[in-house]
Protein backbone atom coordinates (compact mmCIF):
# COMPACT_ATOMS: atom_id res chain seq x y z
CA MET A 1 138.08 164.03 104.15
CA ILE A 2 134.02 164.03 103.56
CA GLY A 3 131.85 161.77 104.93
CA ILE A 4 128.50 161.02 106.04
CA THR A 5 126.41 160.41 109.48
CA VAL A 6 123.90 158.01 110.18
CA HIS A 7 121.74 157.65 113.09
CA ALA A 8 122.18 154.24 114.35
CA PHE A 9 119.96 151.95 117.00
CA MET A 10 121.86 149.01 118.24
CA TYR A 11 118.91 146.23 117.43
CA VAL A 12 118.69 142.42 119.73
CA PRO A 13 116.32 140.03 119.01
CA LEU A 14 113.06 140.19 121.22
CA THR A 15 113.44 136.73 121.71
CA ASP A 16 115.96 133.56 120.93
CA ASN A 17 114.14 132.42 117.79
CA THR A 18 115.65 132.76 114.45
CA GLU A 19 113.01 134.77 113.01
CA ASP A 20 113.76 137.28 115.58
CA LYS A 21 117.45 137.28 115.38
CA GLU A 22 117.03 137.32 111.30
CA ALA A 23 114.74 140.51 112.50
CA ALA A 24 117.49 141.91 114.00
CA ASN A 25 119.78 141.78 111.28
CA ARG A 26 117.23 143.19 108.83
CA ALA A 27 116.71 146.03 111.46
CA LEU A 28 120.39 147.16 111.14
CA ALA A 29 120.41 146.76 107.17
CA PHE A 30 116.90 148.41 106.20
CA ASN A 31 118.00 151.44 109.11
CA PHE A 32 121.48 151.58 108.70
CA ALA A 33 123.25 149.79 106.04
CA TRP A 34 120.65 151.77 103.55
CA ILE A 35 122.30 154.49 103.48
CA LEU A 36 126.04 153.15 104.11
CA ASP A 37 126.02 150.14 101.81
CA PRO A 38 125.76 152.28 98.27
CA LEU A 39 128.38 154.77 99.72
CA VAL A 40 131.05 152.23 100.07
CA PHE A 41 129.89 148.90 98.12
CA GLY A 42 127.76 150.93 95.11
CA ASP A 43 124.54 149.00 96.11
CA TYR A 44 121.71 148.58 98.27
CA PRO A 45 122.62 145.79 100.81
CA GLN A 46 121.71 142.00 100.01
CA GLU A 47 119.19 142.02 102.92
CA MET A 48 116.85 144.64 101.26
CA LYS A 49 117.06 143.05 97.99
CA ARG A 50 115.95 139.52 99.19
CA TYR A 51 113.26 141.09 101.16
CA LEU A 52 112.03 143.67 98.39
CA GLY A 53 113.09 142.11 95.24
CA SER A 54 112.35 144.34 92.19
CA GLN A 55 110.67 146.66 94.92
CA LEU A 56 113.92 148.49 95.16
CA PRO A 57 115.08 150.67 92.97
CA LYS A 58 118.54 149.55 90.97
CA PHE A 59 121.72 151.47 90.28
CA SER A 60 123.11 151.90 86.52
CA SER A 61 126.47 150.63 86.41
CA GLU A 62 127.60 154.32 86.03
CA GLU A 63 125.76 155.46 89.66
CA MET A 64 127.08 152.42 90.92
CA LEU A 65 131.05 153.27 89.86
CA LEU A 66 130.07 156.95 91.45
CA LEU A 67 128.83 156.09 94.76
CA ARG A 68 131.51 153.41 95.65
CA ASP A 69 134.38 154.56 97.96
CA SER A 70 132.92 157.59 97.79
CA ILE A 71 133.29 158.65 101.62
CA ASP A 72 136.30 159.08 103.64
CA PHE A 73 134.88 158.32 107.18
CA ILE A 74 131.42 157.11 108.65
CA GLY A 75 129.86 159.06 111.52
CA VAL A 76 127.96 157.77 113.89
CA ASN A 77 125.09 158.96 116.13
CA HIS A 78 124.31 156.56 118.52
CA TYR A 79 121.88 156.81 121.52
CA GLY A 80 120.44 153.32 122.39
CA THR A 81 119.53 150.09 121.97
CA LEU A 82 116.07 148.68 120.95
CA TYR A 83 114.20 145.13 120.90
CA ALA A 84 113.75 143.51 117.08
CA LYS A 85 110.44 141.21 116.41
CA ASP A 86 109.71 139.52 113.01
CA CYS A 87 106.68 140.61 111.43
CA ILE A 88 106.89 138.17 108.55
CA HIS A 89 105.85 135.06 109.94
CA SER A 90 103.80 136.92 113.40
CA SER A 91 101.57 139.89 113.46
CA CYS A 92 103.00 142.89 114.95
CA LEU A 93 100.82 145.80 116.74
CA CYS A 94 102.27 148.98 117.62
CA ASN A 95 100.92 149.73 121.01
CA ASP A 96 103.38 151.52 123.20
CA SER A 97 105.37 154.96 122.73
CA THR A 98 108.76 152.99 121.72
CA CYS A 99 107.67 151.27 118.78
CA SER A 100 106.93 152.69 115.14
CA LYS A 101 103.94 152.67 113.20
CA GLY A 102 103.91 150.39 110.04
CA SER A 103 106.27 147.78 111.64
CA ASP A 104 104.82 145.11 109.24
CA ARG A 105 105.25 146.85 106.11
CA ALA A 106 108.13 147.04 103.48
CA ILE A 107 109.53 150.09 104.36
CA ARG A 108 110.10 149.27 107.79
CA GLY A 109 111.86 146.04 106.94
CA PHE A 110 108.51 143.43 108.06
CA LEU A 111 110.06 144.01 111.92
CA TYR A 112 108.70 145.71 115.05
CA SER A 113 111.24 147.47 117.06
CA THR A 114 110.59 148.41 121.10
CA GLY A 115 112.26 149.10 124.14
CA PHE A 116 110.49 146.70 125.90
CA ARG A 117 110.09 143.19 126.51
CA ASP A 118 107.22 141.73 129.11
CA GLY A 119 106.64 144.84 130.00
CA VAL A 120 110.29 145.54 130.90
CA SER A 121 112.52 148.42 129.72
CA ILE A 122 115.87 147.14 127.94
CA GLY A 123 117.54 149.40 129.62
CA GLU A 124 116.89 153.01 131.86
CA PRO A 125 114.53 154.89 130.22
CA THR A 126 115.61 158.71 129.58
CA GLY A 127 113.66 161.96 128.20
CA MET A 128 113.15 160.23 125.11
CA ASP A 129 110.75 157.71 124.09
CA ARG A 130 113.10 155.59 122.43
CA PHE A 131 116.04 156.46 123.97
CA PHE A 132 117.57 153.94 126.56
CA VAL A 133 120.55 153.55 128.72
CA VAL A 134 122.11 150.38 127.41
CA PRO A 135 126.06 150.80 127.21
CA ARG A 136 126.94 147.80 125.40
CA GLY A 137 125.37 148.84 122.54
CA MET A 138 128.00 151.20 121.75
CA GLU A 139 130.61 148.54 121.56
CA ASP A 140 128.00 146.48 119.51
CA ILE A 141 127.38 149.11 116.73
CA ILE A 142 131.17 150.11 116.60
CA ASN A 143 131.60 146.48 116.11
CA TYR A 144 129.04 145.99 113.65
CA ILE A 145 130.31 148.64 111.66
CA LYS A 146 133.95 147.34 111.96
CA GLY A 147 133.00 144.35 110.39
CA ARG A 148 130.64 145.13 107.66
CA TYR A 149 132.90 148.29 106.53
CA HIS A 150 136.04 146.84 106.39
CA ASN A 151 136.90 149.01 109.76
CA LYS A 152 136.57 152.43 107.47
CA LEU A 153 137.84 154.86 109.63
CA MET A 154 134.81 156.39 112.33
CA PHE A 155 133.65 159.17 114.18
CA VAL A 156 130.70 158.75 117.00
CA THR A 157 129.63 162.20 116.05
CA GLU A 158 126.40 162.17 118.60
CA ASN A 159 126.27 160.24 121.93
CA GLY A 160 124.21 161.83 124.67
CA TYR A 161 121.63 161.78 127.55
CA SER A 162 118.31 163.20 127.58
CA SER A 163 116.90 163.89 131.36
CA PRO A 164 113.62 162.53 132.26
CA VAL A 165 111.18 165.66 132.52
CA SER A 166 110.78 164.86 136.38
CA GLU A 167 114.41 164.87 137.01
CA ASP A 168 114.90 168.66 135.60
CA ASP A 169 114.46 170.27 138.68
CA ASP A 170 117.91 168.81 139.74
CA TYR A 171 119.98 169.90 136.68
CA PRO A 172 123.15 171.15 138.38
CA GLN A 173 123.82 167.98 139.71
CA ASP A 174 123.17 165.69 136.58
CA VAL A 175 125.00 162.50 137.60
CA LYS A 176 123.02 160.12 135.14
CA ARG A 177 124.46 161.79 132.66
CA ILE A 178 128.05 161.86 133.61
CA ASN A 179 127.44 157.74 134.28
CA TYR A 180 125.83 157.83 130.64
CA HIS A 181 128.98 159.22 129.30
CA LYS A 182 131.32 157.16 131.23
CA SER A 183 129.58 153.98 130.68
CA TYR A 184 129.02 154.29 127.08
CA LEU A 185 132.87 155.38 126.72
CA ALA A 186 134.16 152.37 128.33
CA TYR A 187 132.67 149.96 125.64
CA LEU A 188 133.44 152.90 123.24
CA ALA A 189 137.13 152.35 124.15
CA GLN A 190 136.98 148.43 124.79
CA ALA A 191 135.84 148.36 120.85
CA ILE A 192 138.94 150.70 120.11
CA ARG A 193 141.16 148.35 122.11
CA ASN A 194 140.26 145.56 120.11
CA GLY A 195 141.00 147.50 116.81
CA ALA A 196 137.73 149.65 116.05
CA ASN A 197 139.37 152.54 113.71
CA VAL A 198 137.42 155.20 115.81
CA ARG A 199 138.98 158.61 115.94
CA GLY A 200 136.62 160.65 118.06
CA TYR A 201 133.71 160.97 120.40
CA PHE A 202 131.64 163.97 120.44
CA ILE A 203 129.12 164.43 123.31
CA TRP A 204 125.41 165.60 122.37
CA SER A 205 125.24 168.19 123.34
CA LEU A 206 127.10 171.22 124.56
CA MET A 207 123.64 173.42 125.68
CA ASP A 208 120.33 172.34 125.98
CA ASN A 209 118.67 173.30 122.88
CA PHE A 210 115.74 173.00 120.35
CA GLU A 211 115.23 169.21 120.23
CA TRP A 212 112.89 168.83 116.93
CA THR A 213 109.25 167.83 117.82
CA SER A 214 110.27 167.89 121.24
CA GLY A 215 111.07 171.49 121.78
CA TYR A 216 112.92 172.41 124.87
CA LYS A 217 111.58 170.52 127.25
CA THR A 218 113.97 167.66 126.00
CA LYS A 219 117.45 168.36 127.88
CA PHE A 220 120.63 166.96 126.64
CA GLY A 221 123.25 169.76 127.43
CA LEU A 222 126.01 170.03 129.52
CA TYR A 223 124.98 173.36 130.30
CA HIS A 224 121.41 174.75 131.37
CA ILE A 225 120.04 177.57 129.44
CA ASP A 226 117.88 180.13 131.74
CA PRO A 227 115.04 180.71 129.26
CA GLN A 228 114.31 184.56 131.11
CA THR A 229 118.42 185.76 130.80
CA LEU A 230 119.44 182.76 128.42
CA ASN A 231 122.45 182.58 130.84
CA ARG A 232 124.59 179.35 130.27
CA ILE A 233 124.85 177.44 133.68
CA PRO A 234 127.32 174.46 133.99
CA LYS A 235 125.99 171.37 135.17
CA LEU A 236 128.14 168.98 137.15
CA SER A 237 128.74 167.30 133.58
CA ALA A 238 130.38 170.27 132.04
CA SER A 239 132.86 170.07 134.86
CA TRP A 240 133.35 166.39 134.41
CA ALA A 241 133.91 166.61 130.74
CA LYS A 242 136.69 169.39 131.73
CA GLY A 243 138.40 167.18 133.81
CA GLU A 244 137.38 169.16 136.74
CA THR A 245 135.37 166.55 138.65
CA GLN A 246 136.34 162.51 138.70
CA LYS A 247 133.49 161.28 140.96
CA PRO A 248 130.00 163.16 140.97
């Protein structure tokens, strides 16, 4: 089998107004379906066509035929959920570390995403600015994929908890990491019980490692790496993952 993995935030409206609800749907299309729709249906999402019009490139009929149903499974990298705010009917300013610059531009879908509403975070913060603990988002994103792509085979290829820097000294007893995985797995299990065709779940990561622009200071691993000896030191989460510890 061959497939593709897509990084997938879940998005919820910042407010209950119609514009923000549409922005949340648009966020999923511009950040997720943008990649998968061509590989499943042979063309870009209708949501993108609606807002970008002729600015969006077009596939030839030969390209569409080649792309359609060209993957056997969908890989999902999911860590958290964000609020989405419409930027078409209102102005948007990126003024916190969890939002992205250029939110009011076409490439972003004319929307603003953030982890905060009225100064309150959408979930418990982690060691990554945009990754908040929102377990329900796992079930929601899986259900979105299930519905949009006719329940195509799925694997959760990444899901994990990065410890805040202030908690690094307490890495042997990483109870928050265990609770994170238990809660996200519970919602994943609920989606599977309701028919989602999910066949695998992978924790990010086995070991603390070099995390892109965050380097070695961001820790996702079940094993701590001693920077002096390079020894792998199991955290409590490693014992939990092996079934040795049921309760932290």
